[in-house]
PDB file of N, CA and C in Angstrom:
ATOM      1  N   THR A   1     -13.559 -44.238  19.036  1.00  0.00           N
ATOM      2  CA  THR A   1     -13.218 -44.744  20.347  1.00  0.00           C
ATOM      3  C   THR A   1     -11.876 -44.164  20.767  1.00  0.00           C
ATOM      4  N   THR A   2     -11.803 -43.668  21.963  1.00  0.00           N
ATOM      5  CA  THR A   2     -10.556 -43.118  22.498  1.00  0.00           C
ATOM      6  C   THR A   2     -10.064 -43.995  23.631  1.00  0.00           C
ATOM      7  N   ILE A   3      -8.789 -44.332  23.584  1.00  0.00           N
ATOM      8  CA  ILE A   3      -8.184 -45.161  24.629  1.00  0.00           C
ATOM      9  C   ILE A   3      -7.029 -44.380  25.239  1.00  0.00           C
ATOM     10  N   GLU A   4      -7.097 -44.170  26.547  1.00  0.00           N
ATOM     11  CA  GLU A   4      -6.014 -43.532  27.284  1.00  0.00           C
ATOM     12  C   GLU A   4      -5.557 -44.520  28.342  1.00  0.00           C
ATOM     13  N   SER A   5      -4.280 -44.861  28.304  1.00  0.00           N
ATOM     14  CA  SER A   5      -3.740 -45.826  29.251  1.00  0.00           C
ATOM     15  C   SER A   5      -2.231 -45.653  29.333  1.00  0.00           C
ATOM     16  N   PHE A   6      -1.597 -46.587  30.019  1.00  0.00           N
ATOM     17  CA  PHE A   6      -0.144 -46.612  30.117  1.00  0.00           C
ATOM     18  C   PHE A   6       0.343 -47.849  29.381  1.00  0.00           C
ATOM     19  N   ILE A   7       1.412 -47.692  28.606  1.00  0.00           N
ATOM     20  CA  ILE A   7       1.958 -48.800  27.830  1.00  0.00           C
ATOM     21  C   ILE A   7       3.388 -49.043  28.292  1.00  0.00           C
ATOM     22  N   GLY A   8       3.715 -50.309  28.483  1.00  0.00           N
ATOM     23  CA  GLY A   8       5.072 -50.654  28.888  1.00  0.00           C
ATOM     24  C   GLY A   8       5.220 -52.143  29.052  1.00  0.00           C
ATOM     25  N   SER A   9       6.356 -52.533  29.575  1.00  0.00           N
ATOM     26  CA  SER A   9       6.630 -53.948  29.814  1.00  0.00           C
ATOM     27  C   SER A   9       7.279 -54.085  31.184  1.00  0.00           C
ATOM     28  N   PRO A  10       7.089 -55.228  31.804  1.00  0.00           N
ATOM     29  CA  PRO A  10       7.618 -55.382  33.162  1.00  0.00           C
ATOM     30  C   PRO A  10       9.140 -55.515  33.216  1.00  0.00           C
ATOM     31  N   TYR A  11       9.771 -55.868  32.095  1.00  0.00           N
ATOM     32  CA  TYR A  11      11.212 -56.088  32.085  1.00  0.00           C
ATOM     33  C   TYR A  11      11.881 -55.150  31.089  1.00  0.00           C
ATOM     34  N   ARG A  12      13.122 -54.817  31.336  1.00  0.00           N
ATOM     35  CA  ARG A  12      13.829 -53.843  30.509  1.00  0.00           C
ATOM     36  C   ARG A  12      13.960 -54.268  29.053  1.00  0.00           C
ATOM     37  N   ARG A  13      14.313 -55.484  28.786  1.00  0.00           N
ATOM     38  CA  ARG A  13      14.522 -55.943  27.410  1.00  0.00           C
ATOM     39  C   ARG A  13      13.374 -56.824  26.912  1.00  0.00           C
ATOM     40  N   SER A  14      12.211 -56.617  27.429  1.00  0.00           N
ATOM     41  CA  SER A  14      11.053 -57.421  27.039  1.00  0.00           C
ATOM     42  C   SER A  14      10.664 -57.136  25.595  1.00  0.00           C
ATOM     43  N   GLU A  15      10.287 -58.180  24.869  1.00  0.00           N
ATOM     44  CA  GLU A  15       9.878 -58.048  23.470  1.00  0.00           C
ATOM     45  C   GLU A  15       8.460 -57.488  23.353  1.00  0.00           C
ATOM     46  N   LYS A  16       7.602 -57.812  24.301  1.00  0.00           N
ATOM     47  CA  LYS A  16       6.198 -57.414  24.214  1.00  0.00           C
ATOM     48  C   LYS A  16       5.881 -56.290  25.186  1.00  0.00           C
ATOM     49  N   VAL A  17       4.926 -55.485  24.773  1.00  0.00           N
ATOM     50  CA  VAL A  17       4.409 -54.446  25.658  1.00  0.00           C
ATOM     51  C   VAL A  17       2.952 -54.761  25.953  1.00  0.00           C
ATOM     52  N   ARG A  18       2.456 -54.212  27.039  1.00  0.00           N
ATOM     53  CA  ARG A  18       1.048 -54.385  27.360  1.00  0.00           C
ATOM     54  C   ARG A  18       0.461 -53.082  27.851  1.00  0.00           C
ATOM     55  N   VAL A  19      -0.857 -53.096  27.967  1.00  0.00           N
ATOM     56  CA  VAL A  19      -1.598 -51.909  28.389  1.00  0.00           C
ATOM     57  C   VAL A  19      -1.908 -52.039  29.866  1.00  0.00           C
ATOM     58  N   TYR A  20      -1.644 -50.966  30.608  1.00  0.00           N
ATOM     59  CA  TYR A  20      -1.949 -50.902  32.034  1.00  0.00           C
ATOM     60  C   TYR A  20      -2.922 -49.757  32.267  1.00  0.00           C
ATOM     61  N   LYS A  21      -3.864 -49.955  33.155  1.00  0.00           N
ATOM     62  CA  LYS A  21      -4.847 -48.908  33.473  1.00  0.00           C
ATOM     63  C   LYS A  21      -4.251 -47.840  34.381  1.00  0.00           C
ATOM     64  N   THR A  22      -3.293 -48.221  35.233  1.00  0.00           N
ATOM     65  CA  THR A  22      -2.656 -47.276  36.140  1.00  0.00           C
ATOM     66  C   THR A  22      -1.157 -47.249  35.877  1.00  0.00           C
ATOM     67  N   HIS A  23      -0.510 -46.197  36.345  1.00  0.00           N
ATOM     68  CA  HIS A  23       0.929 -46.053  36.137  1.00  0.00           C
ATOM     69  C   HIS A  23       1.682 -47.072  36.975  1.00  0.00           C
ATOM     70  N   LYS A  24       2.599 -47.768  36.336  1.00  0.00           N
ATOM     71  CA  LYS A  24       3.472 -48.739  36.992  1.00  0.00           C
ATOM     72  C   LYS A  24       4.898 -48.416  36.566  1.00  0.00           C
ATOM     73  N   PRO A  25       5.901 -49.001  37.221  1.00  0.00           N
ATOM     74  CA  PRO A  25       7.273 -48.791  36.759  1.00  0.00           C
ATOM     75  C   PRO A  25       7.428 -49.264  35.310  1.00  0.00           C
ATOM     76  N   ARG A  26       8.195 -48.564  34.529  1.00  0.00           N
ATOM     77  CA  ARG A  26       8.472 -48.874  33.118  1.00  0.00           C
ATOM     78  C   ARG A  26       7.254 -48.722  32.205  1.00  0.00           C
ATOM     79  N   THR A  27       6.327 -47.857  32.583  1.00  0.00           N
ATOM     80  CA  THR A  27       5.193 -47.575  31.693  1.00  0.00           C
ATOM     81  C   THR A  27       5.164 -46.093  31.364  1.00  0.00           C
ATOM     82  N   LEU A  28       4.615 -45.784  30.195  1.00  0.00           N
ATOM     83  CA  LEU A  28       4.498 -44.404  29.748  1.00  0.00           C
ATOM     84  C   LEU A  28       3.064 -44.148  29.295  1.00  0.00           C
ATOM     85  N   PRO A  29       2.565 -42.923  29.482  1.00  0.00           N
ATOM     86  CA  PRO A  29       1.193 -42.626  29.064  1.00  0.00           C
ATOM     87  C   PRO A  29       1.066 -42.651  27.546  1.00  0.00           C
ATOM     88  N   ALA A  30      -0.098 -43.096  27.073  1.00  0.00           N
ATOM     89  CA  ALA A  30      -0.368 -43.139  25.634  1.00  0.00           C
ATOM     90  C   ALA A  30      -1.861 -42.933  25.407  1.00  0.00           C
ATOM     91  N   LYS A  31      -2.178 -42.303  24.284  1.00  0.00           N
ATOM     92  CA  LYS A  31      -3.574 -42.063  23.922  1.00  0.00           C
ATOM     93  C   LYS A  31      -3.739 -42.351  22.436  1.00  0.00           C
ATOM     94  N   SER A  32      -4.754 -43.135  22.095  1.00  0.00           N
ATOM     95  CA  SER A  32      -5.055 -43.458  20.699  1.00  0.00           C
ATOM     96  C   SER A  32      -6.532 -43.191  20.446  1.00  0.00           C
ATOM     97  N   VAL A  33      -6.815 -42.612  19.288  1.00  0.00           N
ATOM     98  CA  VAL A  33      -8.187 -42.364  18.871  1.00  0.00           C
ATOM     99  C   VAL A  33      -8.430 -43.178  17.610  1.00  0.00           C
ATOM    100  N   PHE A  34      -9.382 -44.107  17.663  1.00  0.00           N
ATOM    101  CA  PHE A  34      -9.738 -44.956  16.530  1.00  0.00           C
ATOM    102  C   PHE A  34     -10.959 -44.341  15.840  1.00  0.00           C
ATOM    103  N   VAL A  35     -10.800 -43.959  14.569  1.00  0.00           N
ATOM    104  CA  VAL A  35     -11.873 -43.315  13.811  1.00  0.00           C
ATOM    105  C   VAL A  35     -12.252 -44.215  12.634  1.00  0.00           C
ATOM    106  N   PRO A  36     -13.480 -44.741  12.588  1.00  0.00           N
ATOM    107  CA  PRO A  36     -13.889 -45.587  11.460  1.00  0.00           C
ATOM    108  C   PRO A  36     -13.957 -44.750  10.174  1.00  0.00           C
ATOM    109  N   GLN A  37     -13.438 -45.303   9.071  1.00  0.00           N
ATOM    110  CA  GLN A  37     -13.442 -44.604   7.791  1.00  0.00           C
ATOM    111  C   GLN A  37     -14.493 -45.163   6.836  1.00  0.00           C
ATOM    112  N   GLU A  38     -14.436 -46.477   6.605  1.00  0.00           N
ATOM    113  CA  GLU A  38     -15.425 -47.100   5.720  1.00  0.00           C
ATOM    114  C   GLU A  38     -15.582 -48.573   6.077  1.00  0.00           C
ATOM    115  N   TYR A  39     -16.775 -49.098   5.826  1.00  0.00           N
ATOM    116  CA  TYR A  39     -17.095 -50.486   6.138  1.00  0.00           C
ATOM    117  C   TYR A  39     -17.244 -51.269   4.842  1.00  0.00           C
ATOM    118  N   ASN A  40     -16.596 -52.437   4.753  1.00  0.00           N
ATOM    119  CA  ASN A  40     -16.695 -53.322   3.601  1.00  0.00           C
ATOM    120  C   ASN A  40     -17.548 -54.516   4.020  1.00  0.00           C
ATOM    121  N   GLN A  41     -18.768 -54.561   3.516  1.00  0.00           N
ATOM    122  CA  GLN A  41     -19.713 -55.602   3.915  1.00  0.00           C
ATOM    123  C   GLN A  41     -19.313 -56.974   3.379  1.00  0.00           C
ATOM    124  N   GLU A  42     -18.653 -57.027   2.216  1.00  0.00           N
ATOM    125  CA  GLU A  42     -18.268 -58.309   1.619  1.00  0.00           C
ATOM    126  C   GLU A  42     -17.331 -59.106   2.519  1.00  0.00           C
ATOM    127  N   ILE A  43     -16.377 -58.436   3.126  1.00  0.00           N
ATOM    128  CA  ILE A  43     -15.421 -59.150   3.977  1.00  0.00           C
ATOM    129  C   ILE A  43     -15.618 -58.830   5.465  1.00  0.00           C
ATOM    130  N   ASP A  44     -16.691 -58.113   5.785  1.00  0.00           N
ATOM    131  CA  ASP A  44     -17.031 -57.768   7.163  1.00  0.00           C
ATOM    132  C   ASP A  44     -15.839 -57.127   7.884  1.00  0.00           C
ATOM    133  N   ALA A  45     -15.315 -56.042   7.298  1.00  0.00           N
ATOM    134  CA  ALA A  45     -14.165 -55.354   7.867  1.00  0.00           C
ATOM    135  C   ALA A  45     -14.373 -53.843   7.766  1.00  0.00           C
ATOM    136  N   THR A  46     -13.815 -53.130   8.713  1.00  0.00           N
ATOM    137  CA  THR A  46     -13.897 -51.681   8.727  1.00  0.00           C
ATOM    138  C   THR A  46     -12.496 -51.103   8.624  1.00  0.00           C
ATOM    139  N   LYS A  47     -12.320 -50.164   7.716  1.00  0.00           N
ATOM    140  CA  LYS A  47     -11.062 -49.434   7.588  1.00  0.00           C
ATOM    141  C   LYS A  47     -11.090 -48.328   8.629  1.00  0.00           C
ATOM    142  N   ILE A  48     -10.006 -48.209   9.401  1.00  0.00           N
ATOM    143  CA  ILE A  48      -9.961 -47.199  10.453  1.00  0.00           C
ATOM    144  C   ILE A  48      -8.743 -46.297  10.291  1.00  0.00           C
ATOM    145  N   GLN A  49      -8.837 -45.134  10.905  1.00  0.00           N
ATOM    146  CA  GLN A  49      -7.717 -44.223  11.018  1.00  0.00           C
ATOM    147  C   GLN A  49      -7.401 -44.138  12.501  1.00  0.00           C
ATOM    148  N   VAL A  50      -6.119 -44.240  12.846  1.00  0.00           N
ATOM    149  CA  VAL A  50      -5.720 -44.157  14.244  1.00  0.00           C
ATOM    150  C   VAL A  50      -4.886 -42.904  14.429  1.00  0.00           C
ATOM    151  N   ILE A  51      -5.296 -42.081  15.387  1.00  0.00           N
ATOM    152  CA  ILE A  51      -4.583 -40.849  15.698  1.00  0.00           C
ATOM    153  C   ILE A  51      -3.934 -41.038  17.068  1.00  0.00           C
ATOM    154  N   CYS A  52      -2.601 -40.909  17.109  1.00  0.00           N
ATOM    155  CA  CYS A  52      -1.850 -41.110  18.347  1.00  0.00           C
ATOM    156  C   CYS A  52      -1.216 -39.790  18.777  1.00  0.00           C
ATOM    157  N   ASN A  53      -1.296 -39.488  20.060  1.00  0.00           N
ATOM    158  CA  ASN A  53      -0.659 -38.264  20.545  1.00  0.00           C
ATOM    159  C   ASN A  53       0.852 -38.442  20.639  1.00  0.00           C
ATOM    160  N   LEU A  54       1.296 -39.643  20.958  1.00  0.00           N
ATOM    161  CA  LEU A  54       2.717 -39.972  21.037  1.00  0.00           C
ATOM    162  C   LEU A  54       2.928 -41.310  20.338  1.00  0.00           C
ATOM    163  N   ALA A  55       4.085 -41.525  19.825  1.00  0.00           N
ATOM    164  CA  ALA A  55       4.365 -42.780  19.118  1.00  0.00           C
ATOM    165  C   ALA A  55       5.109 -43.724  20.055  1.00  0.00           C
ATOM    166  N   ARG A  56       4.360 -44.499  20.801  1.00  0.00           N
ATOM    167  CA  ARG A  56       4.954 -45.504  21.682  1.00  0.00           C
ATOM    168  C   ARG A  56       5.120 -46.807  20.917  1.00  0.00           C
ATOM    169  N   ARG A  57       6.044 -47.634  21.359  1.00  0.00           N
ATOM    170  CA  ARG A  57       6.300 -48.906  20.688  1.00  0.00           C
ATOM    171  C   ARG A  57       5.069 -49.803  20.779  1.00  0.00           C
ATOM    172  N   HIS A  58       4.597 -50.279  19.649  1.00  0.00           N
ATOM    173  CA  HIS A  58       3.439 -51.171  19.533  1.00  0.00           C
ATOM    174  C   HIS A  58       2.157 -50.552  20.082  1.00  0.00           C
ATOM    175  N   GLN A  59       2.054 -49.245  20.091  1.00  0.00           N
ATOM    176  CA  GLN A  59       0.904 -48.570  20.698  1.00  0.00           C
ATOM    177  C   GLN A  59      -0.411 -48.958  20.033  1.00  0.00           C
ATOM    178  N   ILE A  60      -0.472 -48.924  18.715  1.00  0.00           N
ATOM    179  CA  ILE A  60      -1.724 -49.235  18.018  1.00  0.00           C
ATOM    180  C   ILE A  60      -2.109 -50.682  18.253  1.00  0.00           C
ATOM    181  N   ARG A  61      -1.157 -51.597  18.116  1.00  0.00           N
ATOM    182  CA  ARG A  61      -1.445 -53.013  18.330  1.00  0.00           C
ATOM    183  C   ARG A  61      -1.902 -53.274  19.761  1.00  0.00           C
ATOM    184  N   ALA A  62      -1.210 -52.702  20.725  1.00  0.00           N
ATOM    185  CA  ALA A  62      -1.552 -52.934  22.130  1.00  0.00           C
ATOM    186  C   ALA A  62      -2.919 -52.364  22.478  1.00  0.00           C
ATOM    187  N   HIS A  63      -3.223 -51.172  22.005  1.00  0.00           N
ATOM    188  CA  HIS A  63      -4.532 -50.577  22.296  1.00  0.00           C
ATOM    189  C   HIS A  63      -5.648 -51.347  21.598  1.00  0.00           C
ATOM    190  N   ALA A  64      -5.430 -51.764  20.352  1.00  0.00           N
ATOM    191  CA  ALA A  64      -6.467 -52.547  19.657  1.00  0.00           C
ATOM    192  C   ALA A  64      -6.690 -53.884  20.371  1.00  0.00           C
ATOM    193  N   ALA A  65      -5.620 -54.512  20.813  1.00  0.00           N
ATOM    194  CA  ALA A  65      -5.748 -55.787  21.540  1.00  0.00           C
ATOM    195  C   ALA A  65      -6.477 -55.609  22.863  1.00  0.00           C
ATOM    196  N   SER A  66      -6.289 -54.457  23.497  1.00  0.00           N
ATOM    197  CA  SER A  66      -6.923 -54.242  24.793  1.00  0.00           C
ATOM    198  C   SER A  66      -8.439 -54.107  24.698  1.00  0.00           C
ATOM    199  N   ILE A  67      -8.944 -53.775  23.498  1.00  0.00           N
ATOM    200  CA  ILE A  67     -10.407 -53.702  23.314  1.00  0.00           C
ATOM    201  C   ILE A  67     -10.942 -54.883  22.505  1.00  0.00           C
ATOM    202  N   GLY A  68     -10.090 -55.909  22.334  1.00  0.00           N
ATOM    203  CA  GLY A  68     -10.563 -57.152  21.734  1.00  0.00           C
ATOM    204  C   GLY A  68     -10.387 -57.290  20.237  1.00  0.00           C
ATOM    205  N   HIS A  69      -9.469 -56.557  19.637  1.00  0.00           N
ATOM    206  CA  HIS A  69      -9.240 -56.651  18.196  1.00  0.00           C
ATOM    207  C   HIS A  69      -7.831 -57.128  17.907  1.00  0.00           C
TER     208      HIS A  69
END
């Protein structure tokens, strides 16, 4: 799964960042590619590899949260 969006926060010293579909003030472009590696049926979990074009603050967490994980 590939996610391309803008990541940022509405305030300068905000602790949290969020994902925006369009460019807004204080947002930067980010792209993450989630690649499944292996599935563990016992605990119903999948190990993934995440490839990021740029290292934005909380990029992996924000992108995973935006797709419901």
